Amino acid sequence: MKRPHLFSSLCCCVLAFMTASSSAALFDRGGGLIYDSDQDLTWTQDAGLSGSLNWDNAIAWAESLMLGGVSGWRLPTTTQVDDPTCSGDVRVSISPLNPLIYEHRLDCLGGEMERLTAAADPWTNPLFINVNRTRYWAATHYRNGTDPCVYFPNYDVPCTIATREGDHVDFRWQWAFTGAGNIDVPYKTTLKKGNGRYAWAVHDGDVGAVANPAPEIRVTDPAAPATDLQMSFGNVIEMTQADGTVTVTNIGELDLVIGQIAVADPLAAPFSIPNDACSNQTLTQGMSCNLTVRFSPPVTGASIDSFSIPSNDADEGLITFNVSGTG
């Protein structure tokens, strides 16, 4: 009986893979970072950073990578041939001419590389750059010894993985986001770990949320609630005075630069700022400064006013602080 061509065996699997996929929620965080919200992972935008490395060096490269101001990068995972996320029968081909196991079941969506390919197709996605036609190392080890497999995809049997190089010891999974020649579709294979392949680094979580530090202003006063941006002096006898302290703190990661206070919105009598240690100051992370607000009612009656606190906080560049009191 004529054996089916490798490409024809791929077609139905690829079709199932493509129809089952959905659009990934990918976000360009800048700085070479792409956030994959479906998997809560951050991928490097440049898929060609590593160059060709053997598997051990690829692992070491990812672990030593510092990108977006963070370490903790790693290689992505893929699935074993009998992963429970695979639908239908396991379909694996073993080439009699080389020690590669070709995994054609692209609907096995338990691995990070499969899920990215299913939902976002990095090969054609403009968010990514330098996606190579060559295969990429996965962090996943191929299990030495026996696995469910099939010599050609017209029957399923358990078999011992043996080739001209012997059992598949020290083999690792590798993933191709596209193919070449007759295999012009995504697929994965095993390969002896000493061979050279590209590596694509991934990081758990949204690195962009950590990798874009910024100054963050917080303005407080002693009366609860401390962050309501208002100070009440209550009743103060006329021709006397009462002082209150306003504290400005940088709770961000970058330096907070404070402008001249009470210029855009100045205070008027009976309010004043007799002491100001904040204007035109730069606060490093966690640093604070204080200014004194004074209420000096000359006569009876209620008074209200406000003053401005400018800074380089991108979200709150001009804080308005309200004051009130009754003489």
C-alpha atoms as a PDB file:
ATOM      1  CA  MET A   1       0.000   0.000   0.000  1.00  0.00           C
ATOM      2  CA  LYS A   2       1.307   3.445  -0.852  1.00  0.00           C
ATOM      3  CA  ARG A   3       2.240   5.380   2.248  1.00  0.00           C
ATOM      4  CA  PRO A   4       0.737   8.851   2.554  1.00  0.00           C
ATOM      5  CA  HIS A   5       3.023  11.790   1.929  1.00  0.00           C
ATOM      6  CA  LEU A   6       4.058  13.676   5.044  1.00  0.00           C
ATOM      7  CA  PHE A   7       2.449  16.879   3.809  1.00  0.00           C
ATOM      8  CA  SER A   8      -0.913  15.244   3.191  1.00  0.00           C
ATOM      9  CA  SER A   9      -0.909  13.848   6.714  1.00  0.00           C
ATOM     10  CA  LEU A  10      -0.435  17.354   8.020  1.00  0.00           C
ATOM     11  CA  CYS A  11      -3.326  18.990   6.212  1.00  0.00           C
ATOM     12  CA  CYS A  12      -6.248  17.760   8.278  1.00  0.00           C
ATOM     13  CA  CYS A  13      -4.372  18.417  11.507  1.00  0.00           C
ATOM     14  CA  VAL A  14      -3.510  21.945  10.499  1.00  0.00           C
ATOM     15  CA  LEU A  15      -7.104  22.603   9.497  1.00  0.00           C
ATOM     16  CA  ALA A  16      -8.349  21.446  12.891  1.00  0.00           C
ATOM     17  CA  PHE A  17      -5.673  23.542  14.531  1.00  0.00           C
ATOM     18  CA  MET A  18      -6.579  26.693  12.662  1.00  0.00           C
ATOM     19  CA  THR A  19     -10.340  26.417  13.051  1.00  0.00           C
ATOM     20  CA  ALA A  20     -10.051  25.768  16.769  1.00  0.00           C
ATOM     21  CA  SER A  21      -7.872  28.812  17.346  1.00  0.00           C
ATOM     22  CA  SER A  22      -8.991  32.254  18.409  1.00  0.00           C
ATOM     23  CA  SER A  23      -7.393  35.667  18.394  1.00  0.00           C
ATOM     24  CA  ALA A  24      -4.913  36.153  21.188  1.00  0.00           C
ATOM     25  CA  ALA A  25      -4.984  39.336  23.201  1.00  0.00           C
ATOM     26  CA  LEU A  26      -1.473  40.626  22.510  1.00  0.00           C
ATOM     27  CA  PHE A  27      -0.288  44.016  23.717  1.00  0.00           C
ATOM     28  CA  ASP A  28       2.857  45.860  22.676  1.00  0.00           C
ATOM     29  CA  ARG A  29       4.253  47.150  25.970  1.00  0.00           C
ATOM     30  CA  GLY A  30       7.184  48.913  24.316  1.00  0.00           C
ATOM     31  CA  GLY A  31      10.815  48.226  25.034  1.00  0.00           C
ATOM     32  CA  GLY A  32      10.731  44.999  23.039  1.00  0.00           C
ATOM     33  CA  LEU A  33       7.993  43.372  25.154  1.00  0.00           C
ATOM     34  CA  ILE A  34       4.763  41.732  23.927  1.00  0.00           C
ATOM     35  CA  TYR A  35       2.220  40.732  26.572  1.00  0.00           C
ATOM     36  CA  ASP A  36       0.072  37.663  25.904  1.00  0.00           C
ATOM     37  CA  SER A  37      -2.972  38.116  28.146  1.00  0.00           C
ATOM     38  CA  ASP A  38      -4.444  34.726  27.196  1.00  0.00           C
ATOM     39  CA  GLN A  39      -1.516  32.961  28.834  1.00  0.00           C
ATOM     40  CA  ASP A  40      -0.416  35.781  31.175  1.00  0.00           C
ATOM     41  CA  LEU A  41       3.043  35.690  29.607  1.00  0.00           C
ATOM     42  CA  THR A  42       5.410  38.254  28.152  1.00  0.00           C
ATOM     43  CA  TRP A  43       7.316  37.339  24.975  1.00  0.00           C
ATOM     44  CA  THR A  44      10.326  39.167  23.619  1.00  0.00           C
ATOM     45  CA  GLN A  45       9.248  41.086  20.553  1.00  0.00           C
ATOM     46  CA  ASP A  46      12.441  40.080  18.750  1.00  0.00           C
ATOM     47  CA  ALA A  47      12.428  36.328  18.179  1.00  0.00           C
ATOM     48  CA  GLY A  48      15.991  36.387  16.860  1.00  0.00           C
ATOM     49  CA  LEU A  49      17.835  37.702  19.914  1.00  0.00           C
ATOM     50  CA  SER A  50      19.606  34.493  20.829  1.00  0.00           C
ATOM     51  CA  GLY A  51      21.212  33.349  17.609  1.00  0.00           C
ATOM     52  CA  SER A  52      21.770  29.620  17.192  1.00  0.00           C
ATOM     53  CA  LEU A  53      22.540  27.817  20.473  1.00  0.00           C
ATOM     54  CA  ASN A  54      22.562  24.272  21.752  1.00  0.00           C
ATOM     55  CA  TRP A  55      19.840  23.498  24.279  1.00  0.00           C
ATOM     56  CA  ASP A  56      21.964  23.935  27.421  1.00  0.00           C
ATOM     57  CA  ASN A  57      23.288  27.273  26.201  1.00  0.00           C
ATOM     58  CA  ALA A  58      19.779  28.347  25.213  1.00  0.00           C
ATOM     59  CA  ILE A  59      18.554  27.665  28.749  1.00  0.00           C
ATOM     60  CA  ALA A  60      21.502  29.624  30.181  1.00  0.00           C
ATOM     61  CA  TRP A  61      20.947  32.482  27.720  1.00  0.00           C
ATOM     62  CA  ALA A  62      17.303  32.885  28.714  1.00  0.00           C
ATOM     63  CA  GLU A  63      18.083  32.693  32.426  1.00  0.00           C
ATOM     64  CA  SER A  64      20.757  35.396  32.104  1.00  0.00           C
ATOM     65  CA  LEU A  65      18.621  37.713  29.981  1.00  0.00           C
ATOM     66  CA  MET A  66      17.857  41.139  31.430  1.00  0.00           C
ATOM     67  CA  LEU A  67      15.083  42.808  29.464  1.00  0.00           C
ATOM     68  CA  GLY A  68      12.535  45.378  30.527  1.00  0.00           C
ATOM     69  CA  GLY A  69      14.516  45.867  33.717  1.00  0.00           C
ATOM     70  CA  VAL A  70      13.772  42.344  34.950  1.00  0.00           C
ATOM     71  CA  SER A  71      15.457  38.950  35.029  1.00  0.00           C
ATOM     72  CA  GLY A  72      13.679  35.603  35.378  1.00  0.00           C
ATOM     73  CA  TRP A  73      13.281  34.871  31.663  1.00  0.00           C
ATOM     74  CA  ARG A  74      13.061  31.275  30.456  1.00  0.00           C
ATOM     75  CA  LEU A  75      12.306  29.130  27.422  1.00  0.00           C
ATOM     76  CA  PRO A  76       8.632  28.398  26.660  1.00  0.00           C
ATOM     77  CA  THR A  77       7.104  24.957  27.095  1.00  0.00           C
ATOM     78  CA  THR A  78       5.510  22.528  24.688  1.00  0.00           C
ATOM     79  CA  THR A  79       3.510  19.313  25.189  1.00  0.00           C
ATOM     80  CA  GLN A  80       4.398  15.636  25.219  1.00  0.00           C
ATOM     81  CA  VAL A  81       2.776  13.468  22.564  1.00  0.00           C
ATOM     82  CA  ASP A  82       0.159  12.080  24.958  1.00  0.00           C
ATOM     83  CA  ASP A  83      -0.707  15.361  26.634  1.00  0.00           C
ATOM     84  CA  PRO A  84      -4.346  15.375  27.850  1.00  0.00           C
ATOM     85  CA  THR A  85      -4.976  18.670  26.044  1.00  0.00           C
ATOM     86  CA  CYS A  86      -4.605  16.868  22.705  1.00  0.00           C
ATOM     87  CA  SER A  87      -7.887  16.013  21.043  1.00  0.00           C
ATOM     88  CA  GLY A  88      -8.288  12.717  19.235  1.00  0.00           C
ATOM     89  CA  ASP A  89      -5.524  10.169  18.733  1.00  0.00           C
ATOM     90  CA  VAL A  90      -1.872  10.916  19.245  1.00  0.00           C
ATOM     91  CA  ARG A  91      -0.276  11.273  15.826  1.00  0.00           C
ATOM     92  CA  VAL A  92       3.482  11.009  15.662  1.00  0.00           C
ATOM     93  CA  SER A  93       5.689  10.042  12.744  1.00  0.00           C
ATOM     94  CA  ILE A  94       9.190   8.634  13.139  1.00  0.00           C
ATOM     95  CA  SER A  95      11.401   9.094  10.144  1.00  0.00           C
ATOM     96  CA  PRO A  96      13.410   5.957   9.364  1.00  0.00           C
ATOM     97  CA  LEU A  97      16.171   8.165   7.966  1.00  0.00           C
ATOM     98  CA  ASN A  98      16.895  10.408  10.930  1.00  0.00           C
ATOM     99  CA  PRO A  99      16.292  10.579  14.695  1.00  0.00           C
ATOM    100  CA  LEU A 100      13.471  13.103  14.530  1.00  0.00           C
ATOM    101  CA  ILE A 101       9.968  12.546  15.822  1.00  0.00           C
ATOM    102  CA  TYR A 102       7.540  14.702  13.865  1.00  0.00           C
ATOM    103  CA  GLU A 103       4.542  15.735  15.951  1.00  0.00           C
ATOM    104  CA  HIS A 104       1.695  16.715  13.663  1.00  0.00           C
ATOM    105  CA  ARG A 105      -1.120  17.091  16.182  1.00  0.00           C
ATOM    106  CA  LEU A 106      -1.259  20.861  16.275  1.00  0.00           C
ATOM    107  CA  ASP A 107      -4.435  20.845  18.364  1.00  0.00           C
ATOM    108  CA  CYS A 108      -2.418  19.922  21.480  1.00  0.00           C
ATOM    109  CA  LEU A 109      -2.853  23.260  23.197  1.00  0.00           C
ATOM    110  CA  GLY A 110      -1.303  22.521  26.580  1.00  0.00           C
ATOM    111  CA  GLY A 111       2.033  24.094  25.675  1.00  0.00           C
ATOM    112  CA  GLU A 112       2.902  27.762  25.518  1.00  0.00           C
ATOM    113  CA  MET A 113       4.363  27.557  22.019  1.00  0.00           C
ATOM    114  CA  GLU A 114       1.299  25.761  20.652  1.00  0.00           C
ATOM    115  CA  ARG A 115      -1.111  28.234  22.213  1.00  0.00           C
ATOM    116  CA  LEU A 116       0.760  31.258  20.903  1.00  0.00           C
ATOM    117  CA  THR A 117       0.862  29.734  17.426  1.00  0.00           C
ATOM    118  CA  ALA A 118      -2.820  28.780  17.512  1.00  0.00           C
ATOM    119  CA  ALA A 119      -4.005  32.178  18.624  1.00  0.00           C
ATOM    120  CA  ALA A 120      -1.534  34.652  17.163  1.00  0.00           C
ATOM    121  CA  ASP A 121       0.593  33.023  14.403  1.00  0.00           C
ATOM    122  CA  PRO A 122       3.917  34.745  15.169  1.00  0.00           C
ATOM    123  CA  TRP A 123       5.241  33.954  11.685  1.00  0.00           C
ATOM    124  CA  THR A 124       2.851  36.484  10.109  1.00  0.00           C
ATOM    125  CA  ASN A 125       1.990  38.653  13.125  1.00  0.00           C
ATOM    126  CA  PRO A 126       3.432  42.188  12.695  1.00  0.00           C
ATOM    127  CA  LEU A 127       3.844  42.585  16.460  1.00  0.00           C
ATOM    128  CA  PHE A 128       6.812  40.202  16.349  1.00  0.00           C
ATOM    129  CA  ILE A 129      10.073  40.654  14.458  1.00  0.00           C
ATOM    130  CA  ASN A 130      12.802  38.286  13.269  1.00  0.00           C
ATOM    131  CA  VAL A 131      10.740  35.113  13.604  1.00  0.00           C
ATOM    132  CA  ASN A 132      13.008  32.554  11.977  1.00  0.00           C
ATOM    133  CA  ARG A 133      12.008  29.712   9.703  1.00  0.00           C
ATOM    134  CA  THR A 134      14.254  27.438  11.744  1.00  0.00           C
ATOM    135  CA  ARG A 135      12.945  25.517  14.749  1.00  0.00           C
ATOM    136  CA  TYR A 136      13.082  26.928  18.299  1.00  0.00           C
ATOM    137  CA  TRP A 137      14.069  25.085  21.448  1.00  0.00           C
ATOM    138  CA  ALA A 138      11.373  24.376  24.016  1.00  0.00           C
ATOM    139  CA  ALA A 139      12.201  23.999  27.689  1.00  0.00           C
ATOM    140  CA  THR A 140      10.410  20.638  27.625  1.00  0.00           C
ATOM    141  CA  HIS A 141      12.492  17.451  27.736  1.00  0.00           C
ATOM    142  CA  TYR A 142      11.538  14.583  25.507  1.00  0.00           C
ATOM    143  CA  ARG A 143      10.870  11.578  27.751  1.00  0.00           C
ATOM    144  CA  ASN A 144      13.525   8.935  27.221  1.00  0.00           C
ATOM    145  CA  GLY A 145      12.307   5.449  26.382  1.00  0.00           C
ATOM    146  CA  THR A 146       8.820   4.412  25.367  1.00  0.00           C
ATOM    147  CA  ASP A 147       6.052   6.712  24.163  1.00  0.00           C
ATOM    148  CA  PRO A 148       2.865   6.201  22.195  1.00  0.00           C
ATOM    149  CA  CYS A 149       3.809   6.757  18.581  1.00  0.00           C
ATOM    150  CA  VAL A 150       3.081   5.700  15.041  1.00  0.00           C
ATOM    151  CA  TYR A 151       5.545   4.866  12.319  1.00  0.00           C
ATOM    152  CA  PHE A 152       3.376   6.521   9.706  1.00  0.00           C
ATOM    153  CA  PRO A 153       0.038   8.206  10.455  1.00  0.00           C
ATOM    154  CA  ASN A 154      -2.199   5.343   9.322  1.00  0.00           C
ATOM    155  CA  TYR A 155      -2.146   3.385  12.593  1.00  0.00           C
ATOM    156  CA  ASP A 156      -1.507   3.981  16.296  1.00  0.00           C
ATOM    157  CA  VAL A 157       0.653   1.625  18.366  1.00  0.00           C
ATOM    158  CA  PRO A 158       2.920   1.918  21.412  1.00  0.00           C
ATOM    159  CA  CYS A 159       6.519   1.659  20.250  1.00  0.00           C
ATOM    160  CA  THR A 160      10.034   2.108  21.562  1.00  0.00           C
ATOM    161  CA  ILE A 161      11.657   5.197  20.121  1.00  0.00           C
ATOM    162  CA  ALA A 162      14.766   3.778  18.444  1.00  0.00           C
ATOM    163  CA  THR A 163      16.673   5.156  15.486  1.00  0.00           C
ATOM    164  CA  ARG A 164      20.078   4.802  13.968  1.00  0.00           C
ATOM    165  CA  GLU A 165      21.354   6.827  16.951  1.00  0.00           C
ATOM    166  CA  GLY A 166      19.664   4.560  19.465  1.00  0.00           C
ATOM    167  CA  ASP A 167      17.065   5.512  22.041  1.00  0.00           C
ATOM    168  CA  HIS A 168      16.092   9.157  22.292  1.00  0.00           C
ATOM    169  CA  VAL A 169      18.277  10.030  25.274  1.00  0.00           C
ATOM    170  CA  ASP A 170      19.050  13.718  25.850  1.00  0.00           C
ATOM    171  CA  PHE A 171      16.569  14.790  23.204  1.00  0.00           C
ATOM    172  CA  ARG A 172      14.527  17.965  23.581  1.00  0.00           C
ATOM    173  CA  TRP A 173      11.391  19.229  21.906  1.00  0.00           C
ATOM    174  CA  GLN A 174      11.681  21.993  19.339  1.00  0.00           C
ATOM    175  CA  TRP A 175       8.928  24.023  17.698  1.00  0.00           C
ATOM    176  CA  ALA A 176       8.671  25.516  14.215  1.00  0.00           C
ATOM    177  CA  PHE A 177       6.321  28.484  13.880  1.00  0.00           C
ATOM    178  CA  THR A 178       6.345  27.829  10.155  1.00  0.00           C
ATOM    179  CA  GLY A 179       7.804  25.137   7.958  1.00  0.00           C
ATOM    180  CA  ALA A 180       9.902  24.710   4.865  1.00  0.00           C
ATOM    181  CA  GLY A 181       9.355  22.865   1.617  1.00  0.00           C
ATOM    182  CA  ASN A 182       6.539  20.335   1.938  1.00  0.00           C
ATOM    183  CA  ILE A 183       6.045  21.133   5.639  1.00  0.00           C
ATOM    184  CA  ASP A 184       5.080  24.771   5.268  1.00  0.00           C
ATOM    185  CA  VAL A 185       3.005  24.743   8.452  1.00  0.00           C
ATOM    186  CA  PRO A 186       3.793  24.889  12.185  1.00  0.00           C
ATOM    187  CA  TYR A 187       5.060  21.627  13.638  1.00  0.00           C
ATOM    188  CA  LYS A 188       7.382  20.278  16.310  1.00  0.00           C
ATOM    189  CA  THR A 189      10.071  17.633  16.450  1.00  0.00           C
ATOM    190  CA  THR A 190      12.630  16.237  18.838  1.00  0.00           C
ATOM    191  CA  LEU A 191      16.338  16.886  18.464  1.00  0.00           C
ATOM    192  CA  LYS A 192      19.523  15.925  20.280  1.00  0.00           C
ATOM    193  CA  LYS A 193      20.212  18.793  22.672  1.00  0.00           C
ATOM    194  CA  GLY A 194      23.759  19.407  21.400  1.00  0.00           C
ATOM    195  CA  ASN A 195      22.475  20.751  18.085  1.00  0.00           C
ATOM    196  CA  GLY A 196      22.045  24.441  17.396  1.00  0.00           C
ATOM    197  CA  ARG A 197      18.624  26.080  17.315  1.00  0.00           C
ATOM    198  CA  TYR A 198      17.190  29.496  18.104  1.00  0.00           C
ATOM    199  CA  ALA A 199      15.717  30.318  21.515  1.00  0.00           C
ATOM    200  CA  TRP A 200      12.752  32.590  22.219  1.00  0.00           C
ATOM    201  CA  ALA A 201      12.556  33.923  25.750  1.00  0.00           C
ATOM    202  CA  VAL A 202       9.322  34.229  27.710  1.00  0.00           C
ATOM    203  CA  HIS A 203       8.522  35.612  31.161  1.00  0.00           C
ATOM    204  CA  ASP A 204       5.634  34.854  33.482  1.00  0.00           C
ATOM    205  CA  GLY A 205       3.190  37.714  33.955  1.00  0.00           C
ATOM    206  CA  ASP A 206       3.009  41.183  32.447  1.00  0.00           C
ATOM    207  CA  VAL A 207       6.595  42.398  32.486  1.00  0.00           C
ATOM    208  CA  GLY A 208       5.527  45.680  30.894  1.00  0.00           C
ATOM    209  CA  ALA A 209       3.636  46.587  34.053  1.00  0.00           C
ATOM    210  CA  VAL A 210       6.906  46.266  35.962  1.00  0.00           C
ATOM    211  CA  ALA A 211       9.252  47.373  33.235  1.00  0.00           C
ATOM    212  CA  ASN A 212       7.871  50.900  32.849  1.00  0.00           C
ATOM    213  CA  PRO A 213       8.644  52.566  36.200  1.00  0.00           C
ATOM    214  CA  ALA A 214       7.378  56.079  36.805  1.00  0.00           C
ATOM    215  CA  PRO A 215       7.185  58.702  39.538  1.00  0.00           C
ATOM    216  CA  GLU A 216       3.993  58.624  41.591  1.00  0.00           C
ATOM    217  CA  ILE A 217       2.927  61.477  43.862  1.00  0.00           C
ATOM    218  CA  ARG A 218       0.988  61.065  47.090  1.00  0.00           C
ATOM    219  CA  VAL A 219      -0.183  64.092  49.074  1.00  0.00           C
ATOM    220  CA  THR A 220      -1.359  63.622  52.661  1.00  0.00           C
ATOM    221  CA  ASP A 221      -2.242  65.567  55.784  1.00  0.00           C
ATOM    222  CA  PRO A 222      -2.609  64.436  59.419  1.00  0.00           C
ATOM    223  CA  ALA A 223      -6.423  64.342  59.478  1.00  0.00           C
ATOM    224  CA  ALA A 224      -8.215  61.201  58.297  1.00  0.00           C
ATOM    225  CA  PRO A 225      -8.723  60.387  55.536  1.00  0.00           C
ATOM    226  CA  ALA A 226      -5.140  61.395  54.909  1.00  0.00           C
ATOM    227  CA  THR A 227      -5.329  61.309  51.111  1.00  0.00           C
ATOM    228  CA  ASP A 228      -8.518  63.314  50.529  1.00  0.00           C
ATOM    229  CA  LEU A 229      -6.553  66.398  49.403  1.00  0.00           C
ATOM    230  CA  GLN A 230      -8.266  68.740  51.804  1.00  0.00           C
ATOM    231  CA  MET A 231      -7.550  70.267  55.183  1.00  0.00           C
ATOM    232  CA  SER A 232     -10.088  71.812  57.533  1.00  0.00           C
ATOM    233  CA  PHE A 233      -8.816  74.115  60.273  1.00  0.00           C
ATOM    234  CA  GLY A 234     -12.221  74.172  61.964  1.00  0.00           C
ATOM    235  CA  ASN A 235     -12.931  77.159  64.200  1.00  0.00           C
ATOM    236  CA  VAL A 236     -10.009  79.483  64.842  1.00  0.00           C
ATOM    237  CA  ILE A 237     -10.293  82.625  66.958  1.00  0.00           C
ATOM    238  CA  GLU A 238      -9.902  85.709  64.825  1.00  0.00           C
ATOM    239  CA  MET A 239      -6.521  87.451  64.983  1.00  0.00           C
ATOM    240  CA  THR A 240      -4.851  84.145  65.892  1.00  0.00           C
ATOM    241  CA  GLN A 241      -3.451  81.448  63.639  1.00  0.00           C
ATOM    242  CA  ALA A 242      -3.436  77.680  63.136  1.00  0.00           C
ATOM    243  CA  ASP A 243      -0.908  75.657  61.153  1.00  0.00           C
ATOM    244  CA  GLY A 244      -1.287  72.367  59.313  1.00  0.00           C
ATOM    245  CA  THR A 245       1.319  70.145  57.642  1.00  0.00           C
ATOM    246  CA  VAL A 246       0.970  68.801  54.117  1.00  0.00           C
ATOM    247  CA  THR A 247       3.305  65.941  53.155  1.00  0.00           C
ATOM    248  CA  VAL A 248       4.315  65.080  49.604  1.00  0.00           C
ATOM    249  CA  THR A 249       5.745  61.566  49.048  1.00  0.00           C
ATOM    250  CA  ASN A 250       7.125  59.814  45.988  1.00  0.00           C
ATOM    251  CA  ILE A 251       5.630  56.313  46.009  1.00  0.00           C
ATOM    252  CA  GLY A 252       6.808  55.614  42.452  1.00  0.00           C
ATOM    253  CA  GLU A 253      10.035  54.071  41.194  1.00  0.00           C
ATOM    254  CA  LEU A 254      11.518  57.041  39.337  1.00  0.00           C
ATOM    255  CA  ASP A 255      12.417  60.468  40.710  1.00  0.00           C
ATOM    256  CA  LEU A 256       9.493  62.796  41.406  1.00  0.00           C
ATOM    257  CA  VAL A 257      10.245  66.381  40.377  1.00  0.00           C
ATOM    258  CA  ILE A 258       8.068  68.951  42.134  1.00  0.00           C
ATOM    259  CA  GLY A 259       7.512  72.368  40.590  1.00  0.00           C
ATOM    260  CA  GLN A 260       6.797  75.668  42.317  1.00  0.00           C
ATOM    261  CA  ILE A 261       3.827  75.137  44.625  1.00  0.00           C
ATOM    262  CA  ALA A 262       0.855  77.543  44.646  1.00  0.00           C
ATOM    263  CA  VAL A 263       1.709  79.315  41.395  1.00  0.00           C
ATOM    264  CA  ALA A 264      -0.933  77.966  39.013  1.00  0.00           C
ATOM    265  CA  ASP A 265      -3.458  78.164  41.853  1.00  0.00           C
ATOM    266  CA  PRO A 266      -2.139  80.464  44.618  1.00  0.00           C
ATOM    267  CA  LEU A 267      -3.459  80.884  48.143  1.00  0.00           C
ATOM    268  CA  ALA A 268      -4.886  84.203  49.318  1.00  0.00           C
ATOM    269  CA  ALA A 269      -5.367  85.639  52.823  1.00  0.00           C
ATOM    270  CA  PRO A 270      -6.371  84.453  55.349  1.00  0.00           C
ATOM    271  CA  PHE A 271      -4.398  81.386  54.100  1.00  0.00           C
ATOM    272  CA  SER A 272      -0.674  81.254  53.444  1.00  0.00           C
ATOM    273  CA  ILE A 273       2.288  78.893  53.162  1.00  0.00           C
ATOM    274  CA  PRO A 274       4.959  80.142  55.592  1.00  0.00           C
ATOM    275  CA  ASN A 275       7.240  77.118  55.203  1.00  0.00           C
ATOM    276  CA  ASP A 276       7.793  75.220  51.960  1.00  0.00           C
ATOM    277  CA  ALA A 277      10.413  72.456  51.743  1.00  0.00           C
ATOM    278  CA  CYS A 278       8.873  70.900  48.622  1.00  0.00           C
ATOM    279  CA  SER A 279       8.905  73.455  45.806  1.00  0.00           C
ATOM    280  CA  ASN A 280      11.460  72.738  43.084  1.00  0.00           C
ATOM    281  CA  GLN A 281      12.674  69.617  44.870  1.00  0.00           C
ATOM    282  CA  THR A 282      13.423  66.162  43.467  1.00  0.00           C
ATOM    283  CA  LEU A 283      12.219  63.241  45.568  1.00  0.00           C
ATOM    284  CA  THR A 284      13.735  59.814  45.037  1.00  0.00           C
ATOM    285  CA  GLN A 285      11.673  56.665  45.604  1.00  0.00           C
ATOM    286  CA  GLY A 286      10.096  56.711  49.077  1.00  0.00           C
ATOM    287  CA  MET A 287      11.306  60.224  49.897  1.00  0.00           C
ATOM    288  CA  SER A 288       8.966  62.860  51.413  1.00  0.00           C
ATOM    289  CA  CYS A 289       8.899  66.601  52.006  1.00  0.00           C
ATOM    290  CA  ASN A 290       6.622  68.881  54.035  1.00  0.00           C
ATOM    291  CA  LEU A 291       5.046  72.278  53.688  1.00  0.00           C
ATOM    292  CA  THR A 292       3.103  74.306  56.253  1.00  0.00           C
ATOM    293  CA  VAL A 293      -0.292  75.830  55.517  1.00  0.00           C
ATOM    294  CA  ARG A 294      -1.435  78.623  57.864  1.00  0.00           C
ATOM    295  CA  PHE A 295      -4.929  79.943  58.558  1.00  0.00           C
ATOM    296  CA  SER A 296      -5.018  83.451  60.160  1.00  0.00           C
ATOM    297  CA  PRO A 297      -8.611  84.754  60.197  1.00  0.00           C
ATOM    298  CA  PRO A 298      -8.757  88.534  60.793  1.00  0.00           C
ATOM    299  CA  VAL A 299     -12.513  88.482  61.293  1.00  0.00           C
ATOM    300  CA  THR A 300     -15.296  86.007  61.902  1.00  0.00           C
ATOM    301  CA  GLY A 301     -16.698  84.010  59.014  1.00  0.00           C
ATOM    302  CA  ALA A 302     -15.934  80.992  56.819  1.00  0.00           C
ATOM    303  CA  SER A 303     -13.087  80.900  54.316  1.00  0.00           C
ATOM    304  CA  ILE A 304     -12.177  78.386  51.610  1.00  0.00           C
ATOM    305  CA  ASP A 305      -9.331  78.268  49.110  1.00  0.00           C
ATOM    306  CA  SER A 306      -7.044  75.883  47.229  1.00  0.00           C
ATOM    307  CA  PHE A 307      -3.482  75.706  45.957  1.00  0.00           C
ATOM    308  CA  SER A 308      -1.633  73.741  43.307  1.00  0.00           C
ATOM    309  CA  ILE A 309       1.166  71.163  43.603  1.00  0.00           C
ATOM    310  CA  PRO A 310       2.779  70.546  40.183  1.00  0.00           C
ATOM    311  CA  SER A 311       5.032  67.561  39.451  1.00  0.00           C
ATOM    312  CA  ASN A 312       6.198  65.220  36.695  1.00  0.00           C
ATOM    313  CA  ASP A 313       3.659  62.534  37.659  1.00  0.00           C
ATOM    314  CA  ALA A 314       2.165  61.546  34.305  1.00  0.00           C
ATOM    315  CA  ASP A 315      -1.291  60.847  35.743  1.00  0.00           C
ATOM    316  CA  GLU A 316      -1.495  63.589  38.365  1.00  0.00           C
ATOM    317  CA  GLY A 317       0.729  66.342  37.066  1.00  0.00           C
ATOM    318  CA  LEU A 318      -1.170  69.081  38.894  1.00  0.00           C
ATOM    319  CA  ILE A 319      -2.658  68.297  42.298  1.00  0.00           C
ATOM    320  CA  THR A 320      -5.232  70.701  43.750  1.00  0.00           C
ATOM    321  CA  PHE A 321      -5.258  70.804  47.557  1.00  0.00           C
ATOM    322  CA  ASN A 322      -8.275  72.404  49.253  1.00  0.00           C
ATOM    323  CA  VAL A 323      -8.252  74.263  52.580  1.00  0.00           C
ATOM    324  CA  SER A 324     -11.051  75.675  54.724  1.00  0.00           C
ATOM    325  CA  GLY A 325     -11.572  77.285  58.110  1.00  0.00           C
ATOM    326  CA  THR A 326     -13.905  79.489  60.123  1.00  0.00           C
ATOM    327  CA  GLY A 327     -12.919  82.553  62.095  1.00  0.00           C
END
